[in-house]
Amino acid sequence: MLRGAEQQRRDTVLVWLSLVAFAVGLGRSLIDWGVVYPEMGGVTDAVSVFPRLVVYSAVFGVWAWALVAMALGRRRGVWVALVLTLLANVGLGLSTTFALCPTPCQTLWPIGEIWNWATTLTGVAAAVVQVRALRGPTAVGPAPA
């Protein structure tokens, strides 16, 4: 019984941390659209905006599907969420910190800097629990009856 309760608690933490990483990643994309892309220029006309909208919609749509699948106990959802978390949160966060806009980044200071670190740290936390869920003996799924 205790094992089932412990697994349920781990699954809950897994889903919630993954959801937080998704939400913070979505917030990061809003900052990119509202501040970063306009600074870069060329992202205000329909020809430039439409392909980006399609890509962002596809990525966040698949990520939302992964969260639902994960909550239903499907390992594939954890795998997809892990890949997107590593790319969108950890990868983009670290590349921003070290290359795109090195710390202290002045774009939308201090919110941009704080949000970039939040993106990276929530991504790392979510990725850790996602990997642990995939490596665990029962991995992801409903508690045994």
Protein backbone atom coordinates (compact mmCIF):
# COMPACT_ATOMS: atom_id res chain seq x y z
CA MET A 1 0.00 0.00 0.00
CA LEU A 2 2.77 2.43 0.91
CA ARG A 3 4.50 1.69 -2.40
CA GLY A 4 1.34 2.62 -4.30
CA ALA A 5 0.95 5.86 -2.34
CA GLU A 6 4.60 6.74 -2.91
CA GLN A 7 4.26 6.09 -6.64
CA GLN A 8 1.14 8.26 -6.77
CA ARG A 9 2.99 11.09 -5.02
CA ARG A 10 5.88 10.80 -7.51
CA ASP A 11 3.47 10.83 -10.44
CA THR A 12 1.80 13.95 -9.03
CA VAL A 13 5.16 15.72 -8.66
CA LEU A 14 6.10 14.63 -12.17
CA VAL A 15 2.95 16.06 -13.74
CA TRP A 16 3.02 19.31 -11.75
CA LEU A 17 6.70 20.09 -12.36
CA SER A 18 6.23 19.28 -16.05
CA LEU A 19 3.21 21.58 -16.15
CA VAL A 20 5.18 24.39 -14.49
CA ALA A 21 7.99 23.96 -17.05
CA PHE A 22 5.40 24.11 -19.84
CA ALA A 23 3.80 27.27 -18.43
CA VAL A 24 7.14 29.02 -17.89
CA GLY A 25 8.23 28.01 -21.40
CA LEU A 26 5.01 29.47 -22.78
CA GLY A 27 5.72 32.68 -20.86
CA ARG A 28 9.19 32.74 -22.37
CA SER A 29 7.69 32.50 -25.85
CA LEU A 30 5.45 35.49 -25.05
CA ILE A 31 8.52 37.51 -24.09
CA ASP A 32 10.20 36.44 -27.32
CA TRP A 33 7.19 37.47 -29.41
CA GLY A 34 6.56 40.72 -27.55
CA VAL A 35 10.10 41.98 -27.09
CA VAL A 36 12.88 39.90 -28.62
CA TYR A 37 11.56 39.33 -32.14
CA PRO A 38 10.57 42.98 -32.67
CA GLU A 39 14.09 44.00 -31.54
CA MET A 40 15.53 41.64 -34.14
CA GLY A 41 13.31 43.13 -36.84
CA GLY A 42 11.46 41.44 -39.65
CA VAL A 43 8.85 39.64 -37.57
CA THR A 44 5.98 42.05 -37.97
CA ASP A 45 4.70 41.12 -41.44
CA ALA A 46 2.37 38.20 -42.15
CA VAL A 47 4.93 36.33 -44.23
CA SER A 48 7.37 36.27 -41.30
CA VAL A 49 4.82 35.74 -38.55
CA PHE A 50 2.77 32.88 -40.02
CA PRO A 51 5.49 30.18 -40.13
CA ARG A 52 6.56 31.05 -36.60
CA LEU A 53 2.96 30.80 -35.41
CA VAL A 54 2.63 27.37 -36.99
CA VAL A 55 5.84 26.14 -35.35
CA TYR A 56 5.00 27.58 -31.92
CA SER A 57 1.45 26.21 -32.10
CA ALA A 58 2.71 22.77 -33.08
CA VAL A 59 5.35 22.67 -30.35
CA PHE A 60 3.02 23.80 -27.57
CA GLY A 61 0.19 21.64 -28.89
CA VAL A 62 2.38 18.53 -28.82
CA TRP A 63 3.69 19.54 -25.40
CA ALA A 64 0.12 19.88 -24.07
CA TRP A 65 -0.69 16.44 -25.50
CA ALA A 66 2.39 15.06 -23.72
CA LEU A 67 1.21 16.48 -20.40
CA VAL A 68 -2.22 14.89 -20.81
CA ALA A 69 -0.67 11.58 -21.84
CA MET A 70 1.69 11.76 -18.87
CA ALA A 71 -1.20 12.42 -16.48
CA LEU A 72 -2.91 9.33 -17.92
CA GLY A 73 0.17 7.25 -17.16
CA ARG A 74 1.60 6.93 -20.66
CA ARG A 75 5.37 6.72 -20.91
CA ARG A 76 5.34 8.25 -24.38
CA GLY A 77 4.00 11.45 -22.83
CA VAL A 78 6.96 11.56 -20.45
CA TRP A 79 9.41 11.02 -23.32
CA VAL A 80 7.88 13.78 -25.44
CA ALA A 81 7.71 16.17 -22.48
CA LEU A 82 11.34 15.39 -21.63
CA VAL A 83 12.55 16.17 -25.16
CA LEU A 84 10.57 19.42 -25.34
CA THR A 85 11.62 20.45 -21.82
CA LEU A 86 15.28 19.88 -22.66
CA LEU A 87 15.03 21.79 -25.95
CA ALA A 88 12.68 24.65 -25.06
CA ASN A 89 13.51 25.26 -21.42
CA VAL A 90 17.01 24.01 -20.71
CA GLY A 91 18.53 24.40 -24.17
CA LEU A 92 17.04 27.78 -24.97
CA GLY A 93 17.64 29.03 -21.43
CA LEU A 94 21.31 28.07 -21.43
CA SER A 95 21.92 29.28 -24.98
CA THR A 96 20.38 32.63 -24.05
CA THR A 97 22.47 32.88 -20.88
CA PHE A 98 25.77 32.04 -22.56
CA ALA A 99 25.39 33.16 -26.19
CA LEU A 100 22.23 34.95 -27.33
CA CYS A 101 21.99 37.50 -24.53
CA PRO A 102 24.68 36.80 -21.91
CA THR A 103 23.91 37.45 -18.27
CA PRO A 104 23.07 40.12 -17.32
CA CYS A 105 20.80 40.35 -20.34
CA GLN A 106 19.44 43.87 -20.75
CA THR A 107 16.45 42.87 -22.89
CA LEU A 108 13.37 43.65 -20.79
CA TRP A 109 15.60 44.03 -17.72
CA PRO A 110 15.10 42.61 -15.07
CA ILE A 111 12.05 40.55 -16.08
CA GLY A 112 13.75 38.99 -19.11
CA GLU A 113 16.73 37.90 -17.02
CA ILE A 114 14.58 36.52 -14.21
CA TRP A 115 12.29 34.72 -16.65
CA ASN A 116 15.23 33.21 -18.53
CA TRP A 117 16.62 31.76 -15.30
CA ALA A 118 13.14 30.57 -14.31
CA THR A 119 12.85 28.83 -17.68
CA THR A 120 16.19 27.11 -17.23
CA LEU A 121 15.69 26.08 -13.60
CA THR A 122 12.12 24.82 -13.97
CA GLY A 123 13.26 22.93 -17.05
CA VAL A 124 16.09 21.26 -15.15
CA ALA A 125 13.76 20.35 -12.26
CA ALA A 126 11.16 18.91 -14.63
CA ALA A 127 13.77 17.01 -16.65
CA VAL A 128 15.17 15.43 -13.48
CA VAL A 129 11.79 14.07 -12.37
CA GLN A 130 10.96 13.02 -15.95
CA VAL A 131 14.19 11.00 -16.22
CA ARG A 132 13.60 9.50 -12.78
CA ALA A 133 10.07 8.51 -13.81
CA LEU A 134 11.38 6.81 -16.94
CA ARG A 135 14.10 4.98 -15.00
CA GLY A 136 11.90 3.88 -12.10
CA PRO A 137 10.80 0.28 -11.61
CA THR A 138 7.16 0.99 -12.36
CA ALA A 139 7.93 4.18 -14.24
CA VAL A 140 4.73 6.09 -14.88
CA GLY A 141 1.22 4.88 -14.42
CA PRO A 142 -1.64 4.36 -12.06
CA ALA A 143 -0.95 2.89 -8.65
CA PRO A 144 -1.41 -0.88 -8.45
CA ALA A 145 -4.74 -2.06 -7.08
